[in-house]
C-alpha cells in the first residue's frame, strides 16, 4: 500500500475574519489543529502544534511515536501559554494520521477535530469527540439529535496546551486500496451532516481538490460559523513506501496556496506558512470593501446647490430665533411699562 493523492483546504468561514486552524499535509503524515483562546492566541497554539509535528522526520513507529509527537506539541503550546501573558489559556485540538509502511493508518487524537473513512460506499467516523455533549451521548444522557443542537456542543473536555500532561487517544486502521480518509475541523462537521459529507466525497472521489472545495462550500452555505479545514488522502495499490508520494500527490501538495475559498466569499487566499512548504497556517483573512462606482462617489459628495440650500436653511432658522428673542424682549419691556 502507498499514499495516493492528497489535498488540504482551509477557509475562515463566513462569521470570522481570522483563521485559527492549521494543517499538515506531508505524506505520510497528515494532521489538523483547531486553535482556541481568543484574539490571535488560537492561531499561535495551532501553529505551534503543527510545527511540532513537522520539525521531526516521521518514519513509522506506530501509536507510541504519535503519542510522543503530540506530547511534544502539547509541551510547546503549554510552555508558550505559561510564559506569554498574551497567549495565556490558549489551546488547540489535534488529530493526526500516519500512513505506515505495513499498510496501517495510525491515528492520534485530542479534542473534537474528526477523522472519517470512506471505504467503497461505506462512510464511518473513526474518532470520538472529546467534548461535553459527546460525553453526555456516550453516557446516554443525550441523544445524537439533541447533541447537534445543544448550546454547549462546542465545549471540549480535552485540548493541547491547557495542562502540562495530556492523554492521547490512539488507534490503527488496516488500510485497503481505495480507502479515502478525511480529517476535518468542527467548522465542517458541525455545519454539514455526515450523509452530505459522504455524498460529496463519493461524487468527487477522483478529484480531491474539487472534493475539498465542495466541502468548504457546503459548510459556508450552511452558515460558515467557524473556520473550516479539510485534509484528504487516499490509499493506493503498490509497493512504494508510504513516505514517497506519487507524482499526483506532489502536484497537489505544491498547489496548496491556491484559492481556498468559494468565489462568493470574497476573501483572498492565505499565503503558505514560512515554516514548512506543506504546513499552512491561515492568517487573518480580510474582506475588502466593494469598490465605489462613479455614481456612488458623486452621490456621496454634496453639490454646490445642496450646499447653498443648506446655508439658506441655517440662515432662516437663525433669523427666526433672533425674531423670537426680540419679541420676548419687547413683551417684557411693555409689561414693565404698564
Protein backbone atom coordinates (compact mmCIF):
# COMPACT_ATOMS: atom_id res chain seq x y z
CA UNK A 1 0.00 0.00 0.00
CA UNK A 2 1.06 3.60 -0.57
CA UNK A 3 -0.34 7.10 -0.24
CA UNK A 4 -2.14 8.04 -3.42
CA UNK A 5 -3.23 11.63 -3.96
CA UNK A 6 -3.79 14.04 -1.09
CA UNK A 7 -5.12 17.55 -0.70
CA UNK A 8 -5.86 20.08 2.04
CA UNK A 9 -8.00 23.20 2.07
CA UNK A 10 -8.76 25.76 4.77
CA UNK A 11 -11.16 28.69 4.97
CA UNK A 12 -12.04 31.31 7.60
CA UNK A 13 -15.79 30.77 7.15
CA UNK A 14 -18.45 33.45 6.97
CA UNK A 15 -18.52 34.69 10.57
CA UNK A 16 -14.82 35.03 11.42
CA UNK A 17 -12.11 37.11 9.80
CA UNK A 18 -9.29 35.17 11.46
CA UNK A 19 -8.45 31.52 10.85
CA UNK A 20 -7.24 29.58 13.90
CA UNK A 21 -6.96 26.26 12.04
CA UNK A 22 -3.63 24.81 10.93
CA UNK A 23 -2.99 21.66 8.94
CA UNK A 24 -0.19 19.35 7.89
CA UNK A 25 -0.27 17.58 4.55
CA UNK A 26 3.12 15.89 4.23
CA UNK A 27 2.69 12.27 3.19
CA UNK A 28 2.82 10.00 5.08
CA UNK A 29 1.82 12.47 7.84
CA UNK A 30 -1.48 14.35 7.90
CA UNK A 31 -2.96 16.45 10.69
CA UNK A 32 -5.35 19.22 11.72
CA UNK A 33 -5.07 21.57 14.71
CA UNK A 34 -8.00 23.84 15.62
CA UNK A 35 -6.83 26.60 17.96
CA UNK A 36 -8.76 28.35 20.71
CA UNK A 37 -8.06 31.17 23.11
CA UNK A 38 -9.32 34.42 21.64
CA UNK A 39 -7.51 37.29 19.92
CA UNK A 40 -4.70 35.60 17.96
CA UNK A 41 -3.78 33.07 20.65
CA UNK A 42 -5.67 30.30 18.86
CA UNK A 43 -3.57 30.85 15.75
CA UNK A 44 -0.42 30.63 17.85
CA UNK A 45 -1.48 27.39 19.53
CA UNK A 46 -2.42 25.60 16.31
CA UNK A 47 0.74 26.82 14.55
CA UNK A 48 2.96 25.56 17.37
CA UNK A 49 1.25 22.18 17.31
CA UNK A 50 1.61 21.83 13.53
CA UNK A 51 5.26 22.86 13.65
CA UNK A 52 5.98 20.30 16.37
CA UNK A 53 4.73 17.57 14.03
CA UNK A 54 6.84 18.71 11.10
CA UNK A 55 10.07 19.51 12.95
CA UNK A 56 10.99 15.84 13.37
CA UNK A 57 11.00 13.33 10.48
CA UNK A 58 8.39 10.62 10.95
CA UNK A 59 9.37 7.22 9.52
CA UNK A 60 6.80 4.98 11.09
CA UNK A 61 6.83 3.97 14.70
CA UNK A 62 3.16 3.31 15.30
CA UNK A 63 0.98 4.61 18.09
CA UNK A 64 3.84 5.21 20.51
CA UNK A 65 5.55 7.53 18.04
CA UNK A 66 2.37 9.55 17.54
CA UNK A 67 1.92 9.91 21.29
CA UNK A 68 5.48 11.27 21.55
CA UNK A 69 4.84 13.80 18.76
CA UNK A 70 1.55 15.00 20.24
CA UNK A 71 3.00 15.31 23.73
CA UNK A 72 5.85 17.38 22.32
CA UNK A 73 3.25 19.61 20.65
CA UNK A 74 1.43 19.89 23.98
CA UNK A 75 4.69 20.85 25.74
CA UNK A 76 5.37 23.66 23.28
CA UNK A 77 1.86 25.11 23.46
CA UNK A 78 1.71 24.90 27.25
CA UNK A 79 5.17 26.45 27.66
CA UNK A 80 4.25 29.40 25.44
CA UNK A 81 0.91 29.89 27.20
CA UNK A 82 2.67 29.83 30.59
CA UNK A 83 5.36 32.37 29.68
CA UNK A 84 3.49 34.77 27.38
CA UNK A 85 0.63 36.68 29.01
CA UNK A 86 -0.87 37.46 25.59
CA UNK A 87 -1.44 33.75 24.96
CA UNK A 88 -2.41 32.64 28.46
CA UNK A 89 -5.11 29.98 28.41
CA UNK A 90 -4.73 29.14 24.74
CA UNK A 91 -5.06 25.58 23.47
CA UNK A 92 -5.74 23.55 20.38
CA UNK A 93 -7.27 20.32 19.24
CA UNK A 94 -5.16 17.94 17.20
CA UNK A 95 -5.93 14.91 15.05
CA UNK A 96 -3.00 13.18 13.34
CA UNK A 97 -2.85 10.34 10.83
CA UNK A 98 0.33 8.46 9.90
CA UNK A 99 0.34 6.02 6.98
CA UNK A 100 2.67 3.19 8.00
CA UNK A 101 4.82 1.06 5.69
CA UNK A 102 2.98 -2.08 6.82
CA UNK A 103 -0.35 -0.86 5.39
CA UNK A 104 -1.88 0.52 8.59
CA UNK A 105 -3.03 4.08 9.20
CA UNK A 106 -2.28 5.12 12.78
CA UNK A 107 -4.22 7.95 14.44
CA UNK A 108 -3.55 10.18 17.43
CA UNK A 109 -6.40 12.35 18.65
CA UNK A 110 -7.15 15.09 21.21
CA UNK A 111 -10.27 17.29 21.05
CA UNK A 112 -13.14 17.36 18.57
CA UNK A 113 -11.43 17.56 15.17
CA UNK A 114 -12.60 14.40 13.45
CA UNK A 115 -11.26 11.62 11.22
CA UNK A 116 -13.53 9.80 8.78
CA UNK A 117 -13.08 6.86 6.42
CA UNK A 118 -14.86 6.28 3.11
CA UNK A 119 -14.31 2.61 2.16
CA UNK A 120 -16.05 1.58 -1.02
CA UNK A 121 -19.51 3.03 -0.33
CA UNK A 122 -19.46 2.93 3.49
CA UNK A 123 -18.72 6.12 5.44
CA UNK A 124 -17.57 5.95 9.07
CA UNK A 125 -16.45 8.35 11.79
CA UNK A 126 -13.22 6.99 13.28
CA UNK A 127 -12.57 9.35 16.21
CA UNK A 128 -14.61 10.03 19.34
CA UNK A 129 -15.07 13.71 20.17
CA UNK A 130 -13.58 14.88 23.44
CA UNK A 131 -16.49 17.22 24.09
CA UNK A 132 -19.16 17.75 26.72
CA UNK A 133 -22.08 16.71 24.54
CA UNK A 134 -20.24 13.68 23.15
CA UNK A 135 -19.63 12.50 26.71
CA UNK A 136 -23.31 13.00 27.54
CA UNK A 137 -24.27 10.99 24.46
CA UNK A 138 -21.90 8.16 25.44
CA UNK A 139 -23.48 8.11 28.90
CA UNK A 140 -26.96 8.00 27.43
CA UNK A 141 -27.97 11.39 28.82
CA UNK A 142 -28.36 12.98 25.38
CA UNK A 143 -29.44 11.63 22.02
CA UNK A 144 -27.27 12.33 18.96
CA UNK A 145 -30.04 14.59 17.62
CA UNK A 146 -30.12 16.57 20.87
CA UNK A 147 -26.34 16.86 20.86
CA UNK A 148 -26.40 18.52 17.42
CA UNK A 149 -28.40 21.48 18.74
CA UNK A 150 -27.14 21.59 22.32
CA UNK A 151 -26.00 25.13 23.32
CA UNK A 152 -22.75 23.71 24.76
CA UNK A 153 -21.86 21.49 21.82
CA UNK A 154 -18.64 23.45 21.25
CA UNK A 155 -17.30 22.87 24.77
CA UNK A 156 -14.39 20.43 24.58
CA UNK A 157 -13.11 18.38 27.50
CA UNK A 158 -9.56 17.81 26.28
CA UNK A 159 -7.13 20.06 24.41
CA UNK A 160 -3.41 20.56 23.87
CA UNK A 161 -1.70 23.25 25.91
CA UNK A 162 -4.09 23.65 28.81
CA UNK A 163 -2.15 21.27 31.10
CA UNK A 164 1.48 20.10 31.20
CA UNK A 165 0.38 16.50 30.53
CA UNK A 166 -2.15 15.24 28.02
CA UNK A 167 -3.98 11.97 27.40
CA UNK A 168 -3.85 10.98 23.74
CA UNK A 169 -6.29 8.57 22.12
CA UNK A 170 -4.53 6.32 19.60
CA UNK A 171 -5.67 3.53 17.30
CA UNK A 172 -4.75 1.94 13.97
CA UNK A 173 -6.86 1.06 10.94
CA UNK A 174 -5.72 -1.64 8.48
CA UNK A 175 -5.88 0.19 5.15
CA UNK A 176 -7.25 -1.12 1.87
CA UNK A 177 -6.61 0.12 -1.64
CA UNK A 178 -9.17 2.78 -2.49
CA UNK A 179 -9.69 3.95 1.10
CA UNK A 180 -10.29 7.68 1.34
CA UNK A 181 -9.57 9.37 4.68
CA UNK A 182 -10.83 12.78 5.75
CA UNK A 183 -9.55 14.78 8.73
CA UNK A 184 -11.53 17.94 9.43
CA UNK A 185 -12.11 20.68 11.98
CA UNK A 186 -15.50 21.12 13.62
CA UNK A 187 -16.18 24.04 11.29
CA UNK A 188 -17.05 21.35 8.76
CA UNK A 189 -18.52 18.59 10.92
CA UNK A 190 -20.75 20.98 12.92
CA UNK A 191 -22.18 22.61 9.79
CA UNK A 192 -22.55 19.65 7.43
CA UNK A 193 -24.14 16.33 8.38
CA UNK A 194 -22.32 13.07 7.76
CA UNK A 195 -24.63 11.98 4.95
CA UNK A 196 -23.87 15.15 2.99
CA UNK A 197 -20.12 14.85 3.63
CA UNK A 198 -20.22 11.26 2.38
CA UNK A 199 -22.20 12.25 -0.73
CA UNK A 200 -19.67 14.97 -1.58
CA UNK A 201 -16.74 12.56 -1.20
CA UNK A 202 -18.43 9.93 -3.35
CA UNK A 203 -19.23 12.49 -6.05
CA UNK A 204 -15.65 13.82 -6.21
CA UNK A 205 -13.67 10.73 -5.28
CA UNK A 206 -11.41 11.06 -8.29
CA UNK A 207 -10.57 14.73 -7.66
CA UNK A 208 -9.62 15.51 -4.07
CA UNK A 209 -9.04 19.20 -4.82
CA UNK A 210 -12.63 19.51 -6.01
CA UNK A 211 -13.86 17.38 -3.10
CA UNK A 212 -12.20 19.72 -0.59
CA UNK A 213 -13.63 22.75 -2.38
CA UNK A 214 -17.13 21.27 -2.28
CA UNK A 215 -16.83 20.51 1.43
CA UNK A 216 -15.84 24.10 2.21
CA UNK A 217 -18.69 25.42 0.05
CA UNK A 218 -21.20 23.19 1.85
CA UNK A 219 -20.06 24.44 5.27
CA UNK A 220 -20.23 28.06 4.16
CA UNK A 221 -23.67 27.66 2.62
CA UNK A 222 -24.86 26.18 5.91
CA UNK A 223 -23.73 29.31 7.74
CA UNK A 224 -19.92 29.10 7.93
CA UNK A 225 -19.97 29.85 11.65
CA UNK A 226 -16.40 28.65 12.27
CA UNK A 227 -13.12 28.10 10.45
CA UNK A 228 -13.29 25.18 8.03
CA UNK A 229 -10.39 22.84 7.24
CA UNK A 230 -10.37 19.51 5.42
CA UNK A 231 -7.40 17.22 4.76
CA UNK A 232 -7.98 14.33 2.34
CA UNK A 233 -5.71 11.44 1.43
CA UNK A 234 -6.27 8.14 -0.31
CA UNK A 235 -4.60 4.74 -0.18
CA UNK A 236 -3.46 3.22 -3.45
CA UNK A 237 -2.14 -0.14 -4.59
CA UNK A 238 1.61 -0.52 -4.92
CA UNK A 239 4.83 -1.34 -3.15
CA UNK A 240 6.03 2.27 -2.99
CA UNK A 241 6.96 3.36 0.53
CA UNK A 242 4.35 5.39 2.34
CA UNK A 243 6.81 8.26 2.74
CA UNK A 244 7.28 8.62 -1.02
CA UNK A 245 4.13 10.17 -2.54
CA UNK A 246 3.46 9.57 -6.19
CA UNK A 247 3.58 12.36 -8.79
CA UNK A 248 -0.08 13.28 -8.35
CA UNK A 249 0.45 13.80 -4.64
CA UNK A 250 3.46 16.04 -5.23
CA UNK A 251 1.48 18.17 -7.69
CA UNK A 252 -1.36 18.65 -5.22
CA UNK A 253 1.00 19.27 -2.31
CA UNK A 254 2.67 22.15 -4.14
CA UNK A 255 -0.64 23.79 -5.04
CA UNK A 256 -1.97 24.35 -1.53
CA UNK A 257 -1.55 28.12 -1.73
CA UNK A 258 -4.15 28.32 -4.50
CA UNK A 259 -7.58 29.82 -3.95
CA UNK A 260 -9.04 28.05 -0.92
CA UNK A 261 -12.39 29.80 -0.91
CA UNK A 262 -15.53 29.75 -2.94
CA UNK A 263 -15.62 32.94 -5.06
CA UNK A 264 -18.79 34.16 -3.35
CA UNK A 265 -16.85 34.67 -0.10
CA UNK A 266 -14.62 37.47 -1.49
CA UNK A 267 -11.66 36.50 0.70
CA UNK A 268 -8.11 36.37 -0.58
CA UNK A 269 -6.32 33.01 -0.25
CA UNK A 270 -3.79 32.93 2.60
CA UNK A 271 -0.07 32.63 1.82
CA UNK A 272 1.83 29.46 2.78
CA UNK A 273 3.41 29.38 6.23
CA UNK A 274 7.14 30.15 6.23
CA UNK A 275 7.98 27.18 8.48
CA UNK A 276 7.17 24.37 6.05
CA UNK A 277 6.02 24.11 2.47
CA UNK A 278 3.34 21.57 3.28
CA UNK A 279 2.15 23.07 6.58
CA UNK A 280 -0.18 26.01 6.17
CA UNK A 281 -1.47 28.21 8.95
CA UNK A 282 -4.03 30.61 7.58
CA UNK A 283 -3.54 34.24 8.61
CA UNK A 284 -6.27 36.74 9.34
CA UNK A 285 -8.40 36.95 6.21
CA UNK A 286 -9.86 40.33 5.36
CA UNK A 287 -12.85 41.04 3.21
CA UNK A 288 -12.10 44.04 1.00
CA UNK A 289 -14.88 46.67 0.76
CA UNK A 290 -16.70 46.75 -2.57
CA UNK A 291 -15.28 49.39 -4.93
CA UNK A 292 -17.41 52.52 -5.17
CA UNK A 293 -18.63 53.36 -8.65
CA UNK A 294 -18.82 56.88 -10.12
CA UNK A 295 -22.48 57.30 -9.25
CA UNK A 296 -21.87 56.34 -5.61
CA UNK A 297 -18.95 58.73 -5.27
CA UNK A 298 -20.96 61.55 -6.87
CA UNK A 299 -23.87 60.92 -4.55
CA UNK A 300 -21.58 60.89 -1.53
CA UNK A 301 -20.15 64.36 -2.33
CA UNK A 302 -22.65 67.28 -1.87
CA UNK A 303 -23.22 69.53 -4.87
CA UNK A 304 -22.98 73.36 -4.84
CA UNK A 305 -26.80 73.69 -4.97
CA UNK A 306 -27.13 71.40 -1.95
CA UNK A 307 -24.56 73.46 -0.03
CA UNK A 308 -26.43 76.72 -0.84
CA UNK A 309 -29.73 75.17 0.23
CA UNK A 310 -28.21 74.02 3.50
CA UNK A 311 -26.82 77.51 4.17
CA UNK A 312 -30.20 79.12 3.42
CA UNK A 313 -31.98 76.78 5.84
CA UNK A 314 -29.48 77.59 8.58
CA UNK A 315 -29.81 81.36 7.98
CA UNK A 316 -33.60 81.16 8.11
CA UNK A 317 -33.51 79.23 11.36
CA UNK A 318 -31.16 81.80 12.87
CA UNK A 319 -33.42 84.68 11.75
CA UNK A 320 -36.46 83.05 13.35
CA UNK A 321 -34.58 82.61 16.63
CA UNK A 322 -33.46 86.27 16.62
CA UNK A 323 -37.03 87.48 15.88
CA UNK A 324 -38.41 85.42 18.76
CA UNK A 325 -35.81 86.84 21.12
CA UNK A 326 -36.67 90.43 20.06
CA UNK A 327 -40.38 89.74 20.52
CA UNK A 328 -39.82 88.38 24.01
CA UNK A 329 -37.76 91.44 24.98
CA UNK A 330 -40.47 93.81 23.61
CA UNK A 331 -43.20 91.99 25.53
CA UNK A 332 -41.19 92.12 28.77
CA UNK A 333 -40.50 95.87 28.39
CA UNK A 334 -44.14 96.57 27.53
CA UNK A 335 -45.29 94.59 30.56
CA UNK A 336 -42.97 96.54 32.86
CA UNK A 337 -44.10 99.87 31.39
CA UNK A 338 -47.73 99.11 32.28
